Amino acid sequence: MTEATETARAYYDAIDAGDYDRFADLLAPGVVHERPDRTIEGRDTLVGFMRDDRPNEDTSHEVRTVFAASDGVAVEGRLLDADGAPMFAFVDSFDVEDRPDESEADAGRDGGRPSIARIRTYTR
């Protein structure tokens, strides 16, 4: 498993666990998340949305397939409701940065691993 793949999997694990500090650590400061219903820009804005403003917070992600490329990862899966029933299928395309900037490492963030710079979400 590549570091980028591990980062993408950790993204879902952090959301599902409600671990928003860990979630923030996975994101680049200027992360952009393009969703079918909106575009969210910036780490703090994305963390706030996932923590406070998601349409349904009592969900989990079932990751079915992960595809790794040199500059990113694509993940195919399903969003499940609290009872484990599928709500919809998704594909997330992650662009990752190889190195966080120096200020990230100085701030105690996990330097040396990829951070998520852009996410494009497609649903059906």
N, C-alpha and C. Protein backbone atom coordinates (compact mmCIF):
# COMPACT_ATOMS: atom_id res chain seq x y z
N MET A 1 0.85 -1.17 0.00
CA MET A 1 0.00 0.00 0.00
C MET A 1 0.90 1.24 0.00
N THR A 2 0.60 2.19 -0.87
CA THR A 2 1.39 3.41 -0.95
C THR A 2 0.97 4.39 0.15
N GLU A 3 1.82 5.38 0.40
CA GLU A 3 1.47 6.39 1.40
C GLU A 3 0.22 7.16 0.99
N ALA A 4 0.08 7.44 -0.31
CA ALA A 4 -1.11 8.15 -0.78
C ALA A 4 -2.37 7.31 -0.55
N THR A 5 -2.27 6.01 -0.79
CA THR A 5 -3.40 5.11 -0.55
C THR A 5 -3.75 5.07 0.93
N GLU A 6 -2.73 4.98 1.78
CA GLU A 6 -2.96 4.99 3.23
C GLU A 6 -3.63 6.29 3.67
N THR A 7 -3.21 7.41 3.06
CA THR A 7 -3.80 8.71 3.39
C THR A 7 -5.28 8.74 3.01
N ALA A 8 -5.61 8.23 1.82
CA ALA A 8 -7.01 8.20 1.39
C ALA A 8 -7.85 7.32 2.32
N ARG A 9 -7.34 6.16 2.68
CA ARG A 9 -8.09 5.29 3.60
C ARG A 9 -8.26 5.95 4.97
N ALA A 10 -7.21 6.63 5.43
CA ALA A 10 -7.27 7.31 6.72
C ALA A 10 -8.31 8.44 6.71
N TYR A 11 -8.53 9.05 5.54
CA TYR A 11 -9.55 10.10 5.37
C TYR A 11 -10.92 9.56 5.79
N TYR A 12 -11.29 8.40 5.25
CA TYR A 12 -12.60 7.81 5.59
C TYR A 12 -12.64 7.35 7.04
N ASP A 13 -11.56 6.74 7.50
CA ASP A 13 -11.51 6.27 8.89
C ASP A 13 -11.72 7.43 9.87
N ALA A 14 -11.08 8.56 9.60
CA ALA A 14 -11.19 9.73 10.49
C ALA A 14 -12.61 10.29 10.49
N ILE A 15 -13.22 10.40 9.30
CA ILE A 15 -14.60 10.90 9.23
C ILE A 15 -15.54 9.96 9.98
N ASP A 16 -15.42 8.66 9.69
CA ASP A 16 -16.34 7.69 10.31
C ASP A 16 -16.18 7.63 11.82
N ALA A 17 -14.96 7.87 12.32
CA ALA A 17 -14.71 7.84 13.76
C ALA A 17 -15.02 9.18 14.43
N GLY A 18 -15.29 10.20 13.63
CA GLY A 18 -15.51 11.53 14.20
C GLY A 18 -14.24 12.13 14.77
N ASP A 19 -13.08 11.70 14.25
CA ASP A 19 -11.78 12.19 14.72
C ASP A 19 -11.35 13.36 13.83
N TYR A 20 -11.85 14.54 14.15
CA TYR A 20 -11.65 15.69 13.27
C TYR A 20 -10.27 16.30 13.40
N ASP A 21 -9.55 16.03 14.49
CA ASP A 21 -8.15 16.45 14.56
C ASP A 21 -7.33 15.63 13.57
N ARG A 22 -7.53 14.33 13.57
CA ARG A 22 -6.83 13.45 12.62
C ARG A 22 -7.23 13.81 11.19
N PHE A 23 -8.51 14.06 10.97
CA PHE A 23 -9.01 14.45 9.66
C PHE A 23 -8.28 15.70 9.17
N ALA A 24 -8.17 16.71 10.02
CA ALA A 24 -7.48 17.95 9.65
C ALA A 24 -6.02 17.69 9.31
N ASP A 25 -5.38 16.79 10.03
CA ASP A 25 -3.97 16.48 9.77
C ASP A 25 -3.74 15.87 8.39
N LEU A 26 -4.76 15.29 7.81
CA LEU A 26 -4.64 14.66 6.49
C LEU A 26 -4.75 15.66 5.35
N LEU A 27 -5.23 16.86 5.63
CA LEU A 27 -5.57 17.83 4.59
C LEU A 27 -4.50 18.90 4.44
N ALA A 28 -4.24 19.30 3.19
CA ALA A 28 -3.40 20.46 2.92
C ALA A 28 -4.16 21.71 3.35
N PRO A 29 -3.47 22.78 3.72
CA PRO A 29 -4.17 24.00 4.15
C PRO A 29 -5.16 24.53 3.12
N GLY A 30 -4.83 24.46 1.85
CA GLY A 30 -5.70 24.98 0.80
C GLY A 30 -6.54 23.93 0.11
N VAL A 31 -6.83 22.84 0.79
CA VAL A 31 -7.60 21.74 0.19
C VAL A 31 -8.89 22.26 -0.44
N VAL A 32 -9.26 21.66 -1.56
CA VAL A 32 -10.52 21.96 -2.23
C VAL A 32 -11.27 20.64 -2.39
N HIS A 33 -12.53 20.61 -1.95
CA HIS A 33 -13.37 19.42 -2.12
C HIS A 33 -14.52 19.79 -3.04
N GLU A 34 -14.51 19.21 -4.22
CA GLU A 34 -15.57 19.44 -5.21
C GLU A 34 -16.59 18.32 -5.08
N ARG A 35 -17.77 18.66 -4.60
CA ARG A 35 -18.86 17.71 -4.42
C ARG A 35 -19.95 18.02 -5.43
N PRO A 36 -20.87 17.09 -5.67
CA PRO A 36 -21.96 17.38 -6.60
C PRO A 36 -22.82 18.58 -6.18
N ASP A 37 -22.93 18.81 -4.87
CA ASP A 37 -23.80 19.88 -4.39
C ASP A 37 -23.10 21.18 -4.03
N ARG A 38 -21.77 21.17 -3.94
CA ARG A 38 -21.03 22.37 -3.54
C ARG A 38 -19.53 22.15 -3.67
N THR A 39 -18.79 23.24 -3.63
CA THR A 39 -17.33 23.19 -3.56
C THR A 39 -16.93 23.82 -2.23
N ILE A 40 -16.07 23.11 -1.51
CA ILE A 40 -15.62 23.57 -0.19
C ILE A 40 -14.12 23.84 -0.30
N GLU A 41 -13.70 25.03 0.12
CA GLU A 41 -12.30 25.43 0.00
C GLU A 41 -11.70 25.72 1.37
N GLY A 42 -10.53 25.15 1.62
CA GLY A 42 -9.78 25.39 2.85
C GLY A 42 -9.98 24.31 3.90
N ARG A 43 -8.89 24.01 4.60
CA ARG A 43 -8.92 22.95 5.62
C ARG A 43 -9.96 23.22 6.70
N ASP A 44 -9.94 24.41 7.29
CA ASP A 44 -10.86 24.70 8.39
C ASP A 44 -12.32 24.62 7.93
N THR A 45 -12.59 25.10 6.72
CA THR A 45 -13.95 25.06 6.20
C THR A 45 -14.41 23.63 5.97
N LEU A 46 -13.53 22.80 5.41
CA LEU A 46 -13.89 21.40 5.15
C LEU A 46 -14.09 20.64 6.46
N VAL A 47 -13.20 20.85 7.42
CA VAL A 47 -13.36 20.18 8.72
C VAL A 47 -14.68 20.61 9.37
N GLY A 48 -14.97 21.90 9.34
CA GLY A 48 -16.22 22.39 9.91
C GLY A 48 -17.44 21.80 9.24
N PHE A 49 -17.39 21.69 7.91
CA PHE A 49 -18.51 21.10 7.18
C PHE A 49 -18.70 19.65 7.59
N MET A 50 -17.64 18.87 7.60
CA MET A 50 -17.75 17.45 7.93
C MET A 50 -18.21 17.26 9.38
N ARG A 51 -17.76 18.11 10.25
CA ARG A 51 -18.11 17.99 11.67
C ARG A 51 -19.53 18.48 11.97
N ASP A 52 -19.93 19.60 11.34
CA ASP A 52 -21.16 20.28 11.76
C ASP A 52 -22.27 20.36 10.72
N ASP A 53 -21.95 20.28 9.44
CA ASP A 53 -22.93 20.65 8.42
C ASP A 53 -23.27 19.57 7.40
N ARG A 54 -22.71 18.38 7.54
CA ARG A 54 -23.06 17.32 6.59
C ARG A 54 -24.55 17.04 6.65
N PRO A 55 -25.16 16.72 5.51
CA PRO A 55 -26.60 16.41 5.51
C PRO A 55 -26.96 15.24 6.43
N ASN A 56 -26.08 14.24 6.53
CA ASN A 56 -26.32 13.08 7.39
C ASN A 56 -25.00 12.71 8.03
N GLU A 57 -24.86 12.93 9.33
CA GLU A 57 -23.60 12.68 10.02
C GLU A 57 -23.46 11.25 10.53
N ASP A 58 -24.56 10.52 10.64
CA ASP A 58 -24.52 9.17 11.19
C ASP A 58 -24.37 8.16 10.05
N THR A 59 -23.20 8.19 9.43
CA THR A 59 -22.93 7.34 8.27
C THR A 59 -21.56 6.69 8.41
N SER A 60 -21.29 5.76 7.51
CA SER A 60 -19.95 5.17 7.41
C SER A 60 -19.66 4.92 5.93
N HIS A 61 -18.37 4.82 5.64
CA HIS A 61 -17.93 4.61 4.27
C HIS A 61 -17.48 3.16 4.09
N GLU A 62 -18.01 2.53 3.09
CA GLU A 62 -17.57 1.19 2.71
C GLU A 62 -16.66 1.35 1.50
N VAL A 63 -15.36 1.23 1.71
CA VAL A 63 -14.39 1.35 0.62
C VAL A 63 -14.31 0.01 -0.08
N ARG A 64 -14.60 0.01 -1.37
CA ARG A 64 -14.61 -1.25 -2.13
C ARG A 64 -13.34 -1.42 -2.95
N THR A 65 -12.88 -0.35 -3.60
CA THR A 65 -11.71 -0.43 -4.47
C THR A 65 -10.90 0.84 -4.34
N VAL A 66 -9.58 0.69 -4.31
CA VAL A 66 -8.67 1.83 -4.28
C VAL A 66 -7.71 1.69 -5.45
N PHE A 67 -7.64 2.75 -6.25
CA PHE A 67 -6.74 2.79 -7.40
C PHE A 67 -5.67 3.84 -7.13
N ALA A 68 -4.40 3.45 -7.19
CA ALA A 68 -3.31 4.39 -6.94
C ALA A 68 -2.65 4.79 -8.25
N ALA A 69 -2.29 6.07 -8.34
CA ALA A 69 -1.52 6.61 -9.46
C ALA A 69 -0.35 7.39 -8.87
N SER A 70 0.52 7.90 -9.72
CA SER A 70 1.70 8.59 -9.22
C SER A 70 1.37 9.86 -8.45
N ASP A 71 0.28 10.52 -8.79
CA ASP A 71 -0.04 11.80 -8.16
C ASP A 71 -1.38 11.81 -7.43
N GLY A 72 -1.93 10.64 -7.19
CA GLY A 72 -3.22 10.62 -6.51
C GLY A 72 -3.78 9.24 -6.35
N VAL A 73 -5.02 9.22 -5.89
CA VAL A 73 -5.72 7.98 -5.59
C VAL A 73 -7.18 8.16 -5.97
N ALA A 74 -7.80 7.11 -6.48
CA ALA A 74 -9.25 7.10 -6.70
C ALA A 74 -9.82 5.98 -5.83
N VAL A 75 -10.93 6.29 -5.17
CA VAL A 75 -11.57 5.34 -4.27
C VAL A 75 -13.02 5.16 -4.70
N GLU A 76 -13.43 3.91 -4.85
CA GLU A 76 -14.82 3.58 -5.18
C GLU A 76 -15.43 2.92 -3.96
N GLY A 77 -16.63 3.37 -3.59
CA GLY A 77 -17.27 2.78 -2.43
C GLY A 77 -18.72 3.17 -2.31
N ARG A 78 -19.26 2.93 -1.11
CA ARG A 78 -20.66 3.28 -0.83
C ARG A 78 -20.73 3.99 0.52
N LEU A 79 -21.66 4.93 0.61
CA LEU A 79 -21.97 5.56 1.88
C LEU A 79 -23.12 4.78 2.49
N LEU A 80 -22.95 4.36 3.75
CA LEU A 80 -23.95 3.55 4.44
C LEU A 80 -24.60 4.37 5.54
N ASP A 81 -25.89 4.15 5.76
CA ASP A 81 -26.58 4.84 6.85
C ASP A 81 -26.27 4.14 8.18
N ALA A 82 -26.87 4.62 9.25
CA ALA A 82 -26.59 4.09 10.59
C ALA A 82 -26.90 2.61 10.72
N ASP A 83 -27.84 2.11 9.91
CA ASP A 83 -28.21 0.69 9.94
C ASP A 83 -27.38 -0.16 8.98
N GLY A 84 -26.45 0.47 8.26
CA GLY A 84 -25.62 -0.25 7.31
C GLY A 84 -26.22 -0.39 5.93
N ALA A 85 -27.35 0.27 5.69
CA ALA A 85 -27.98 0.22 4.36
C ALA A 85 -27.30 1.24 3.44
N PRO A 86 -27.07 0.85 2.18
CA PRO A 86 -26.44 1.78 1.24
C PRO A 86 -27.32 3.00 0.97
N MET A 87 -26.69 4.17 1.01
CA MET A 87 -27.38 5.42 0.66
C MET A 87 -27.09 5.79 -0.79
N PHE A 88 -25.81 5.68 -1.18
CA PHE A 88 -25.42 5.92 -2.56
C PHE A 88 -24.00 5.42 -2.77
N ALA A 89 -23.66 5.24 -4.04
CA ALA A 89 -22.30 4.87 -4.42
C ALA A 89 -21.51 6.13 -4.72
N PHE A 90 -20.20 6.06 -4.52
CA PHE A 90 -19.36 7.23 -4.80
C PHE A 90 -18.02 6.80 -5.38
N VAL A 91 -17.40 7.74 -6.07
CA VAL A 91 -15.99 7.67 -6.43
C VAL A 91 -15.39 8.99 -6.00
N ASP A 92 -14.33 8.91 -5.22
CA ASP A 92 -13.57 10.10 -4.82
C ASP A 92 -12.21 10.04 -5.49
N SER A 93 -11.84 11.12 -6.12
CA SER A 93 -10.53 11.27 -6.73
C SER A 93 -9.72 12.22 -5.85
N PHE A 94 -8.60 11.73 -5.32
CA PHE A 94 -7.75 12.52 -4.42
C PHE A 94 -6.49 12.95 -5.15
N ASP A 95 -6.17 14.25 -5.10
CA ASP A 95 -4.86 14.75 -5.49
C ASP A 95 -4.08 14.93 -4.20
N VAL A 96 -2.87 14.39 -4.15
CA VAL A 96 -2.07 14.49 -2.94
C VAL A 96 -0.80 15.27 -3.21
N GLU A 97 -0.33 15.95 -2.17
CA GLU A 97 0.94 16.66 -2.21
C GLU A 97 1.97 15.79 -1.52
N ASP A 98 3.15 15.67 -2.13
CA ASP A 98 4.19 14.83 -1.55
C ASP A 98 4.74 15.37 -0.25
N ARG A 99 4.86 16.70 -0.15
CA ARG A 99 5.46 17.28 1.05
C ARG A 99 4.64 18.45 1.55
N PRO A 100 4.21 18.39 2.81
CA PRO A 100 3.60 19.58 3.38
C PRO A 100 4.67 20.65 3.54
N ASP A 101 4.24 21.92 3.58
CA ASP A 101 5.23 22.98 3.73
C ASP A 101 5.82 22.97 5.13
N GLU A 102 6.89 23.70 5.32
CA GLU A 102 7.61 23.69 6.59
C GLU A 102 6.73 24.10 7.77
N SER A 103 5.83 25.04 7.55
CA SER A 103 4.98 25.50 8.66
C SER A 103 4.10 24.37 9.18
N GLU A 104 3.71 23.44 8.31
CA GLU A 104 2.90 22.31 8.76
C GLU A 104 3.69 21.41 9.70
N ALA A 105 4.94 21.12 9.33
CA ALA A 105 5.77 20.28 10.19
C ALA A 105 6.05 20.98 11.51
N ASP A 106 6.28 22.30 11.46
CA ASP A 106 6.53 23.06 12.68
C ASP A 106 5.31 23.10 13.58
N ALA A 107 4.13 23.04 13.00
CA ALA A 107 2.89 23.11 13.79
C ALA A 107 2.54 21.76 14.42
N GLY A 108 3.42 20.77 14.26
CA GLY A 108 3.17 19.48 14.87
C GLY A 108 2.41 18.52 13.98
N ARG A 109 2.14 18.91 12.75
CA ARG A 109 1.44 18.02 11.83
C ARG A 109 2.42 16.96 11.36
N ASP A 110 1.88 15.91 10.82
CA ASP A 110 2.66 14.75 10.42
C ASP A 110 3.41 15.06 9.13
N GLY A 111 4.59 15.65 9.25
CA GLY A 111 5.40 15.95 8.07
C GLY A 111 5.91 14.67 7.44
N GLY A 112 6.18 14.69 6.15
CA GLY A 112 6.76 13.56 5.48
C GLY A 112 5.77 12.61 4.84
N ARG A 113 4.50 12.73 5.10
CA ARG A 113 3.51 11.90 4.44
C ARG A 113 2.67 12.80 3.53
N PRO A 114 2.04 12.21 2.54
CA PRO A 114 1.22 13.02 1.63
C PRO A 114 0.06 13.69 2.36
N SER A 115 -0.30 14.87 1.88
CA SER A 115 -1.52 15.51 2.38
C SER A 115 -2.47 15.69 1.20
N ILE A 116 -3.74 15.73 1.49
CA ILE A 116 -4.77 15.80 0.45
C ILE A 116 -4.96 17.25 0.03
N ALA A 117 -4.73 17.51 -1.26
CA ALA A 117 -4.84 18.87 -1.80
C ALA A 117 -6.18 19.11 -2.48
N ARG A 118 -6.75 18.07 -3.09
CA ARG A 118 -8.02 18.22 -3.82
C ARG A 118 -8.75 16.89 -3.79
N ILE A 119 -10.07 16.99 -3.62
CA ILE A 119 -10.94 15.82 -3.68
C ILE A 119 -12.07 16.15 -4.64
N ARG A 120 -12.32 15.25 -5.56
CA ARG A 120 -13.47 15.38 -6.46
C ARG A 120 -14.37 14.19 -6.18
N THR A 121 -15.62 14.46 -5.81
CA THR A 121 -16.56 13.41 -5.46
C THR A 121 -17.61 13.27 -6.55
N TYR A 122 -17.83 12.04 -6.97
CA TYR A 122 -18.86 11.70 -7.97
C TYR A 122 -19.78 10.68 -7.31
N THR A 123 -21.08 10.87 -7.45
CA THR A 123 -22.04 9.97 -6.80
C THR A 123 -23.06 9.45 -7.81
N ARG A 124 -23.68 8.34 -7.43
CA ARG A 124 -24.82 7.81 -8.20
C ARG A 124 -25.72 7.06 -7.25
